[in-house]
Amino acid sequence: MLQALSHLSSLNYAHLDVKPANILRCENGTYKLADFSVAVNLHMIKESAEFGDGRFAAPELLNNQDPFNADIFSLGISLSQVSVNADSPL
């Protein structure tokens, strides 16, 4: 997941909806990041840009700041939830 987010960042994109439901486990044991419906090019971001599930959103994203770090924060929250939730899709 970090490689996927790093790649997006290198292209000046932020995913903005990292959550367990958007992390897919492949048959070979690798993971893929899915659902880019709210991803945004940071050169075109506006203060009113939409983001995904607020339960996984970083405080800085809610305040229109630093979407790159917000994706990392959301990944951390997602992994924390998965680690304590046996019903998680991961």
C-alpha atoms as a PDB file:
ATOM      1  CA  MET A   1       0.000   0.000   0.000  1.00  0.00           C
ATOM      2  CA  LEU A   2       2.843   2.368   0.734  1.00  0.00           C
ATOM      3  CA  GLN A   3       4.243   1.744  -2.749  1.00  0.00           C
ATOM      4  CA  ALA A   4       0.857   2.551  -4.278  1.00  0.00           C
ATOM      5  CA  LEU A   5       0.548   5.762  -2.268  1.00  0.00           C
ATOM      6  CA  SER A   6       4.143   6.707  -3.083  1.00  0.00           C
ATOM      7  CA  HIS A   7       3.460   6.187  -6.787  1.00  0.00           C
ATOM      8  CA  LEU A   8       0.334   8.345  -6.612  1.00  0.00           C
ATOM      9  CA  SER A   9       2.304  11.019  -4.786  1.00  0.00           C
ATOM     10  CA  SER A  10       5.012  10.971  -7.470  1.00  0.00           C
ATOM     11  CA  LEU A  11       2.265  11.739  -9.994  1.00  0.00           C
ATOM     12  CA  ASN A  12       0.935  14.564  -7.768  1.00  0.00           C
ATOM     13  CA  TYR A  13      -2.240  12.661  -6.945  1.00  0.00           C
ATOM     14  CA  ALA A  14      -3.866  11.933  -3.604  1.00  0.00           C
ATOM     15  CA  HIS A  15      -6.281   8.997  -3.229  1.00  0.00           C
ATOM     16  CA  LEU A  16      -8.424  10.633  -0.497  1.00  0.00           C
ATOM     17  CA  ASP A  17     -10.416   7.461   0.265  1.00  0.00           C
ATOM     18  CA  VAL A  18      -7.986   4.929   1.735  1.00  0.00           C
ATOM     19  CA  LYS A  19     -10.011   2.524   3.889  1.00  0.00           C
ATOM     20  CA  PRO A  20     -10.224  -1.251   4.370  1.00  0.00           C
ATOM     21  CA  ALA A  21     -12.935  -1.640   1.725  1.00  0.00           C
ATOM     22  CA  ASN A  22     -10.579  -0.085  -0.860  1.00  0.00           C
ATOM     23  CA  ILE A  23      -7.661  -2.407  -0.111  1.00  0.00           C
ATOM     24  CA  LEU A  24      -8.026  -5.584  -2.126  1.00  0.00           C
ATOM     25  CA  ARG A  25      -6.144  -8.808  -1.404  1.00  0.00           C
ATOM     26  CA  CYS A  26      -5.108 -10.710  -4.532  1.00  0.00           C
ATOM     27  CA  GLU A  27      -4.903 -14.503  -4.771  1.00  0.00           C
ATOM     28  CA  ASN A  28      -1.096 -14.335  -4.778  1.00  0.00           C
ATOM     29  CA  GLY A  29      -1.100 -12.507  -1.421  1.00  0.00           C
ATOM     30  CA  THR A  30      -0.374  -9.028  -2.755  1.00  0.00           C
ATOM     31  CA  TYR A  31      -2.628  -6.052  -2.122  1.00  0.00           C
ATOM     32  CA  LYS A  32      -4.073  -3.493  -4.523  1.00  0.00           C
ATOM     33  CA  LEU A  33      -5.495  -0.060  -3.829  1.00  0.00           C
ATOM     34  CA  ALA A  34      -8.938   0.395  -5.386  1.00  0.00           C
ATOM     35  CA  ASP A  35     -11.616   3.052  -5.936  1.00  0.00           C
ATOM     36  CA  PHE A  36     -10.019   6.181  -7.305  1.00  0.00           C
ATOM     37  CA  SER A  37     -13.372   7.957  -7.673  1.00  0.00           C
ATOM     38  CA  VAL A  38     -12.364  10.825  -5.377  1.00  0.00           C
ATOM     39  CA  ALA A  39      -8.624  10.862  -6.182  1.00  0.00           C
ATOM     40  CA  VAL A  40      -7.429  14.323  -7.081  1.00  0.00           C
ATOM     41  CA  ASN A  41      -4.529  15.869  -8.956  1.00  0.00           C
ATOM     42  CA  LEU A  42      -2.912  18.197  -6.454  1.00  0.00           C
ATOM     43  CA  HIS A  43      -2.280  20.829  -9.115  1.00  0.00           C
ATOM     44  CA  MET A  44      -6.050  21.110  -9.508  1.00  0.00           C
ATOM     45  CA  ILE A  45      -7.170  20.673  -5.901  1.00  0.00           C
ATOM     46  CA  LYS A  46      -9.623  23.177  -4.522  1.00  0.00           C
ATOM     47  CA  GLU A  47     -10.537  23.925  -0.939  1.00  0.00           C
ATOM     48  CA  SER A  48     -13.896  22.292  -1.544  1.00  0.00           C
ATOM     49  CA  ALA A  49     -12.407  19.045  -2.882  1.00  0.00           C
ATOM     50  CA  GLU A  50     -14.385  16.001  -1.850  1.00  0.00           C
ATOM     51  CA  PHE A  51     -12.865  13.089  -0.010  1.00  0.00           C
ATOM     52  CA  GLY A  52     -14.102   9.644   0.864  1.00  0.00           C
ATOM     53  CA  ASP A  53     -15.148   8.119   4.157  1.00  0.00           C
ATOM     54  CA  GLY A  54     -14.721  10.646   6.986  1.00  0.00           C
ATOM     55  CA  ARG A  55     -14.104   7.847   9.505  1.00  0.00           C
ATOM     56  CA  PHE A  56     -10.699   7.294   7.902  1.00  0.00           C
ATOM     57  CA  ALA A  57      -9.890  10.925   7.027  1.00  0.00           C
ATOM     58  CA  ALA A  58      -6.908  12.697   8.558  1.00  0.00           C
ATOM     59  CA  PRO A  59      -7.531  15.915  10.507  1.00  0.00           C
ATOM     60  CA  GLU A  60      -5.376  17.859   8.042  1.00  0.00           C
ATOM     61  CA  LEU A  61      -7.596  16.705   5.177  1.00  0.00           C
ATOM     62  CA  LEU A  62     -10.690  17.922   7.015  1.00  0.00           C
ATOM     63  CA  ASN A  63      -8.906  21.299   7.262  1.00  0.00           C
ATOM     64  CA  ASN A  64      -7.871  21.322   3.573  1.00  0.00           C
ATOM     65  CA  GLN A  65      -4.189  20.637   4.265  1.00  0.00           C
ATOM     66  CA  ASP A  66      -1.609  18.157   2.958  1.00  0.00           C
ATOM     67  CA  PRO A  67      -3.501  15.346   1.196  1.00  0.00           C
ATOM     68  CA  PHE A  68      -0.320  13.206   0.832  1.00  0.00           C
ATOM     69  CA  ASN A  69       0.001  12.840   4.590  1.00  0.00           C
ATOM     70  CA  ALA A  70      -3.754  12.359   4.829  1.00  0.00           C
ATOM     71  CA  ASP A  71      -3.525   9.206   2.693  1.00  0.00           C
ATOM     72  CA  ILE A  72      -0.814   7.811   4.988  1.00  0.00           C
ATOM     73  CA  PHE A  73      -2.926   8.654   8.045  1.00  0.00           C
ATOM     74  CA  SER A  74      -5.943   6.902   6.495  1.00  0.00           C
ATOM     75  CA  LEU A  75      -3.827   3.832   5.740  1.00  0.00           C
ATOM     76  CA  GLY A  76      -2.704   3.733   9.373  1.00  0.00           C
ATOM     77  CA  ILE A  77      -6.283   3.972  10.639  1.00  0.00           C
ATOM     78  CA  SER A  78      -7.324   1.254   8.187  1.00  0.00           C
ATOM     79  CA  LEU A  79      -4.539  -1.091   9.287  1.00  0.00           C
ATOM     80  CA  SER A  80      -5.381  -0.442  12.934  1.00  0.00           C
ATOM     81  CA  GLN A  81      -9.005  -1.332  12.315  1.00  0.00           C
ATOM     82  CA  VAL A  82      -8.075  -4.461  10.399  1.00  0.00           C
ATOM     83  CA  SER A  83      -5.726  -5.619  13.158  1.00  0.00           C
ATOM     84  CA  VAL A  84      -8.528  -5.642  15.745  1.00  0.00           C
ATOM     85  CA  ASN A  85     -11.432  -6.647  13.510  1.00  0.00           C
ATOM     86  CA  ALA A  86     -11.575 -10.300  12.487  1.00  0.00           C
ATOM     87  CA  ASP A  87     -14.456  -9.547  10.099  1.00  0.00           C
ATOM     88  CA  SER A  88     -12.299  -7.273   7.962  1.00  0.00           C
ATOM     89  CA  PRO A  89     -12.043  -8.065   4.237  1.00  0.00           C
ATOM     90  CA  LEU A  90      -8.232  -8.003   4.423  1.00  0.00           C
END
